[in-house]
Protein backbone atom coordinates (compact mmCIF):
# COMPACT_ATOMS: atom_id res chain seq x y z
CA MET A 1 -13.96 -13.93 14.28
CA VAL A 2 -17.03 -13.30 12.14
CA ASP A 3 -19.17 -15.28 14.57
CA LEU A 4 -17.77 -13.33 17.51
CA ALA A 5 -18.39 -9.98 15.80
CA THR A 6 -21.94 -11.07 14.96
CA GLN A 7 -22.56 -12.20 18.55
CA ALA A 8 -21.21 -8.90 19.91
CA ALA A 9 -23.26 -6.85 17.43
CA THR A 10 -26.40 -8.74 18.45
CA LYS A 11 -25.69 -8.13 22.15
CA LEU A 12 -25.25 -4.42 21.37
CA SER A 13 -28.49 -4.34 19.34
CA LEU A 14 -26.65 -3.08 16.26
CA GLY A 15 -28.98 -4.87 13.87
CA GLU A 16 -28.38 -7.50 11.24
CA ASP A 17 -27.84 -4.84 8.58
CA THR A 18 -24.69 -3.49 10.28
CA GLU A 19 -21.36 -3.87 8.49
CA LEU A 20 -17.79 -3.17 9.58
CA SER A 21 -14.38 -3.81 8.14
CA LEU A 22 -11.57 -5.59 9.97
CA ALA A 23 -7.91 -5.38 8.99
CA PHE A 24 -4.91 -7.15 10.44
CA VAL A 25 -1.59 -5.33 10.11
CA ASP A 26 1.98 -5.48 11.42
CA ASP A 27 3.46 -3.06 13.97
CA LYS A 28 5.04 -0.88 11.28
CA GLU A 29 1.68 -0.20 9.61
CA MET A 30 -0.04 0.24 12.97
CA GLN A 31 2.57 2.81 14.00
CA ARG A 32 1.99 4.69 10.73
CA LEU A 33 -1.78 4.72 11.35
CA ASN A 34 -1.40 5.68 15.01
CA LEU A 35 0.82 8.63 14.05
CA ALA A 36 -1.44 9.76 11.20
CA PHE A 37 -4.72 9.59 13.14
CA ARG A 38 -3.78 9.98 16.81
CA GLY A 39 -0.44 11.82 16.68
CA GLN A 40 1.30 9.00 18.56
CA ASP A 41 4.47 7.70 16.94
CA ARG A 42 4.32 4.14 18.25
CA PRO A 43 2.43 0.99 17.43
CA THR A 44 -0.72 0.16 19.36
CA ASP A 45 -2.83 -2.99 19.55
CA VAL A 46 -6.15 -1.83 18.08
CA LEU A 47 -7.58 1.25 16.39
CA SER A 48 -11.24 1.91 15.65
CA PHE A 49 -12.49 4.35 13.05
CA ALA A 50 -16.19 5.13 13.22
CA ASP A 51 -17.88 5.91 9.92
CA ALA A 52 -18.42 9.62 10.51
CA CYS A 53 -20.37 10.09 7.28
CA GLU A 54 -22.97 7.37 7.89
CA GLU A 55 -25.65 9.81 9.04
CA GLU A 56 -25.24 11.87 5.85
CA LEU A 57 -25.44 8.91 3.49
CA ILE A 58 -28.60 7.95 1.70
CA ARG A 59 -28.73 4.17 1.93
CA PRO A 60 -30.65 2.24 -0.64
CA GLU A 61 -33.18 -0.08 0.94
CA GLY A 62 -31.47 -3.27 2.04
CA ALA A 63 -27.96 -1.73 2.03
CA PRO A 64 -25.92 -2.34 5.20
CA LYS A 65 -25.37 0.34 7.83
CA LEU A 66 -21.65 1.12 7.81
CA LEU A 67 -20.37 1.04 11.39
CA GLY A 68 -16.66 1.67 10.74
CA ASP A 69 -13.24 0.04 10.63
CA ILE A 70 -11.23 -1.93 13.17
CA VAL A 71 -7.48 -2.39 12.67
CA ILE A 72 -5.58 -4.92 14.81
CA SER A 73 -1.81 -5.36 15.00
CA LEU A 74 -1.13 -9.08 15.00
CA GLU A 75 2.39 -8.45 16.29
CA ARG A 76 1.02 -6.56 19.34
CA ALA A 77 -1.68 -9.20 19.82
CA LEU A 78 0.90 -12.01 19.86
CA ALA A 79 3.16 -10.16 22.32
CA GLN A 80 0.20 -9.41 24.59
CA ALA A 81 -1.09 -12.98 24.44
CA GLU A 82 2.32 -14.21 25.58
CA GLU A 83 2.50 -11.52 28.28
CA TYR A 84 -0.97 -12.35 29.65
CA GLY A 85 -0.56 -16.10 29.29
CA HIS A 86 -3.46 -16.84 26.99
CA SER A 87 -3.93 -17.76 23.33
CA LEU A 88 -3.51 -15.49 20.33
CA GLU A 89 -7.13 -16.29 19.46
CA ARG A 90 -8.32 -14.98 22.83
CA GLU A 91 -6.25 -11.79 22.50
CA VAL A 92 -7.44 -11.06 18.96
CA ALA A 93 -11.02 -11.71 20.11
CA PHE A 94 -10.56 -9.27 22.99
CA LEU A 95 -9.18 -6.60 20.63
CA LEU A 96 -12.01 -7.15 18.16
CA VAL A 97 -14.68 -6.79 20.84
CA HIS A 98 -12.87 -3.79 22.32
CA GLY A 99 -12.77 -2.09 18.93
CA LEU A 100 -16.40 -2.92 18.23
CA LEU A 101 -17.48 -1.42 21.55
CA HIS A 102 -15.65 1.79 20.62
CA LEU A 103 -17.52 1.85 17.31
CA ALA A 104 -20.76 1.39 19.24
CA GLY A 105 -19.97 4.51 21.29
CA PHE A 106 -18.27 3.16 24.40
CA ASP A 107 -15.13 4.76 25.79
CA HIS A 108 -12.71 4.33 28.68
CA ASP A 109 -14.03 7.32 30.60
CA ALA A 110 -15.43 7.10 34.12
CA GLU A 111 -18.99 7.30 32.79
CA ASN A 112 -18.99 4.01 30.85
CA GLY A 113 -15.58 2.41 31.40
CA ASP A 114 -17.04 -0.18 33.77
CA ALA A 115 -19.85 -0.99 31.33
CA MET A 116 -17.28 -1.42 28.55
CA HIS A 117 -15.22 -3.78 30.70
CA ASP A 118 -18.27 -5.79 31.81
CA LEU A 119 -19.63 -6.11 28.24
CA THR A 120 -16.24 -7.23 26.93
CA LYS A 121 -15.96 -9.87 29.63
CA SER A 122 -19.54 -11.05 29.03
CA ILE A 123 -19.19 -11.31 25.25
CA LEU A 124 -15.89 -13.21 25.49
CA SER A 125 -17.24 -15.50 28.19
CA GLU A 126 -20.33 -16.36 26.12
CA ALA A 127 -17.98 -17.22 23.24
CA GLY A 128 -15.94 -19.48 25.53
CA LEU A 129 -12.88 -17.21 25.38
CA THR A 130 -11.80 -16.63 28.96
CA ARG A 131 -8.35 -16.03 30.37
C-alpha cells in the first residue's frame, strides 16, 4: 500500500515531502468515527481527515508536509470486495486512492467528480489493480 500511495501522490504532484497516516479499523470503530465527525451513526468504508492546521504550522526545513489521515474499515472493504467480485487488496487500494484524492482536494461534486473517478481508475490501472 505504501507503493500505491507513493505512486498516487506522485501523479497528484504532492511532492516527496508529503506525509499521511493510514489506519485500518473495524466497523465498530468506523461507526464511532463516522458519528463523531459526520453525524452519521453507521459504519462507512473510508474517511479522510485533511490536516486543517498545516498552513499555520512552521515546518523546520526538511520536515514532511502533513497531508492528513485516512481511515479504512477492513470489515467494509471485505464485504465490498465480495460484493463487487474482486480481491480485498483491490478494494483496499481503491479506498486508499479514494481517500488520498479527497485529501488532495477532490470531491464527488459535479465539478470534479468525473476527474476523481478517472484519476482513481488510472492510478489503480497503472498499479495493475483492475476489476
